[in-house]
Amino acid sequence: MAAKDPVCGMMVDEKRSAGTSVYQGKTYYFCNAGCKASFDKNPAKFAK
């Protein structure tokens, strides 16, 4: 299943994502560690 990286907008395969974060009960998937780090610093900015 594919998910959209909330930082860069790239579609990511959930099974092959570079990382995940959970924010307000929702799991977010990332294409690389940089996008995950950006999200983790300010999740409210990227969570929709």
N, C-alpha and C. Protein backbone atom coordinates (compact mmCIF):
# COMPACT_ATOMS: atom_id res chain seq x y z
N MET A 1 0.85 -1.18 0.00
CA MET A 1 0.00 0.00 0.00
C MET A 1 0.89 1.24 0.00
N ALA A 2 0.47 2.25 -0.69
CA ALA A 2 1.27 3.47 -0.79
C ALA A 2 0.72 4.56 0.12
N ALA A 3 1.62 5.33 0.66
CA ALA A 3 1.26 6.47 1.50
C ALA A 3 2.02 7.68 0.99
N LYS A 4 1.50 8.87 1.25
CA LYS A 4 2.16 10.10 0.80
C LYS A 4 3.06 10.64 1.92
N ASP A 5 4.32 10.86 1.59
CA ASP A 5 5.24 11.48 2.55
C ASP A 5 4.71 12.89 2.83
N PRO A 6 4.39 13.21 4.09
CA PRO A 6 3.78 14.51 4.38
C PRO A 6 4.74 15.69 4.21
N VAL A 7 6.04 15.43 4.14
CA VAL A 7 7.01 16.52 4.01
C VAL A 7 7.23 16.89 2.54
N CYS A 8 7.58 15.91 1.71
CA CYS A 8 7.92 16.19 0.32
C CYS A 8 6.81 15.86 -0.67
N GLY A 9 5.81 15.08 -0.23
CA GLY A 9 4.69 14.74 -1.10
C GLY A 9 4.91 13.50 -1.97
N MET A 10 6.08 12.87 -1.84
CA MET A 10 6.37 11.68 -2.63
C MET A 10 5.53 10.49 -2.15
N MET A 11 5.13 9.63 -3.09
CA MET A 11 4.41 8.42 -2.70
C MET A 11 5.43 7.38 -2.23
N VAL A 12 5.14 6.76 -1.09
CA VAL A 12 6.07 5.83 -0.45
C VAL A 12 5.36 4.49 -0.22
N ASP A 13 6.05 3.40 -0.54
CA ASP A 13 5.53 2.06 -0.22
C ASP A 13 5.66 1.88 1.29
N GLU A 14 4.54 1.64 1.96
CA GLU A 14 4.56 1.54 3.42
C GLU A 14 5.52 0.46 3.92
N LYS A 15 5.69 -0.61 3.18
CA LYS A 15 6.58 -1.69 3.60
C LYS A 15 8.05 -1.35 3.38
N ARG A 16 8.34 -0.37 2.56
CA ARG A 16 9.73 -0.01 2.25
C ARG A 16 10.09 1.41 2.67
N SER A 17 9.27 2.03 3.48
CA SER A 17 9.53 3.41 3.87
C SER A 17 10.83 3.52 4.67
N ALA A 18 11.44 4.70 4.61
CA ALA A 18 12.69 4.94 5.33
C ALA A 18 12.44 5.11 6.83
N GLY A 19 11.20 5.34 7.20
CA GLY A 19 10.87 5.49 8.61
C GLY A 19 9.41 5.87 8.78
N THR A 20 8.94 5.77 10.00
CA THR A 20 7.56 6.15 10.31
C THR A 20 7.54 6.98 11.59
N SER A 21 6.51 7.77 11.72
CA SER A 21 6.24 8.50 12.96
C SER A 21 4.75 8.43 13.21
N VAL A 22 4.37 8.39 14.47
CA VAL A 22 2.96 8.42 14.83
C VAL A 22 2.69 9.77 15.47
N TYR A 23 1.67 10.46 14.96
CA TYR A 23 1.30 11.77 15.49
C TYR A 23 -0.22 11.80 15.59
N GLN A 24 -0.73 12.08 16.77
CA GLN A 24 -2.16 12.14 17.05
C GLN A 24 -2.88 10.88 16.56
N GLY A 25 -2.25 9.72 16.80
CA GLY A 25 -2.87 8.45 16.48
C GLY A 25 -2.77 8.01 15.03
N LYS A 26 -2.14 8.81 14.17
CA LYS A 26 -2.00 8.46 12.75
C LYS A 26 -0.54 8.17 12.45
N THR A 27 -0.29 7.13 11.65
CA THR A 27 1.07 6.79 11.26
C THR A 27 1.41 7.48 9.94
N TYR A 28 2.56 8.13 9.91
CA TYR A 28 3.06 8.81 8.71
C TYR A 28 4.30 8.07 8.23
N TYR A 29 4.44 7.97 6.91
CA TYR A 29 5.54 7.23 6.28
C TYR A 29 6.42 8.21 5.51
N PHE A 30 7.74 7.93 5.48
CA PHE A 30 8.69 8.87 4.90
C PHE A 30 9.59 8.22 3.86
N CYS A 31 9.98 9.00 2.85
CA CYS A 31 10.83 8.48 1.77
C CYS A 31 12.30 8.42 2.20
N ASN A 32 12.68 9.26 3.14
CA ASN A 32 14.07 9.24 3.63
C ASN A 32 14.14 9.80 5.05
N ALA A 33 15.31 9.62 5.67
CA ALA A 33 15.49 10.05 7.06
C ALA A 33 15.37 11.56 7.22
N GLY A 34 15.73 12.32 6.19
CA GLY A 34 15.64 13.78 6.26
C GLY A 34 14.20 14.25 6.40
N CYS A 35 13.31 13.63 5.62
CA CYS A 35 11.89 14.00 5.72
C CYS A 35 11.34 13.62 7.09
N LYS A 36 11.73 12.46 7.61
CA LYS A 36 11.27 12.05 8.94
C LYS A 36 11.77 13.03 10.00
N ALA A 37 13.03 13.44 9.90
CA ALA A 37 13.59 14.38 10.88
C ALA A 37 12.85 15.72 10.84
N SER A 38 12.54 16.20 9.63
CA SER A 38 11.79 17.45 9.51
C SER A 38 10.41 17.33 10.15
N PHE A 39 9.75 16.21 9.90
CA PHE A 39 8.43 15.98 10.48
C PHE A 39 8.51 15.91 12.00
N ASP A 40 9.50 15.17 12.51
CA ASP A 40 9.63 14.99 13.96
C ASP A 40 9.91 16.30 14.69
N LYS A 41 10.56 17.25 14.02
CA LYS A 41 10.84 18.55 14.64
C LYS A 41 9.58 19.39 14.79
N ASN A 42 8.66 19.26 13.82
CA ASN A 42 7.46 20.09 13.83
C ASN A 42 6.29 19.35 13.16
N PRO A 43 5.77 18.29 13.82
CA PRO A 43 4.73 17.49 13.17
C PRO A 43 3.44 18.26 12.86
N ALA A 44 3.10 19.25 13.66
CA ALA A 44 1.87 19.99 13.42
C ALA A 44 1.92 20.74 12.07
N LYS A 45 3.10 21.10 11.64
CA LYS A 45 3.26 21.81 10.36
C LYS A 45 2.90 20.91 9.18
N PHE A 46 3.22 19.61 9.28
CA PHE A 46 3.05 18.71 8.15
C PHE A 46 1.82 17.82 8.23
N ALA A 47 1.31 17.55 9.43
CA ALA A 47 0.14 16.68 9.59
C ALA A 47 -1.11 17.42 9.09
N LYS A 48 -1.93 16.68 8.37
CA LYS A 48 -3.17 17.29 7.85
C LYS A 48 -4.37 16.53 8.35
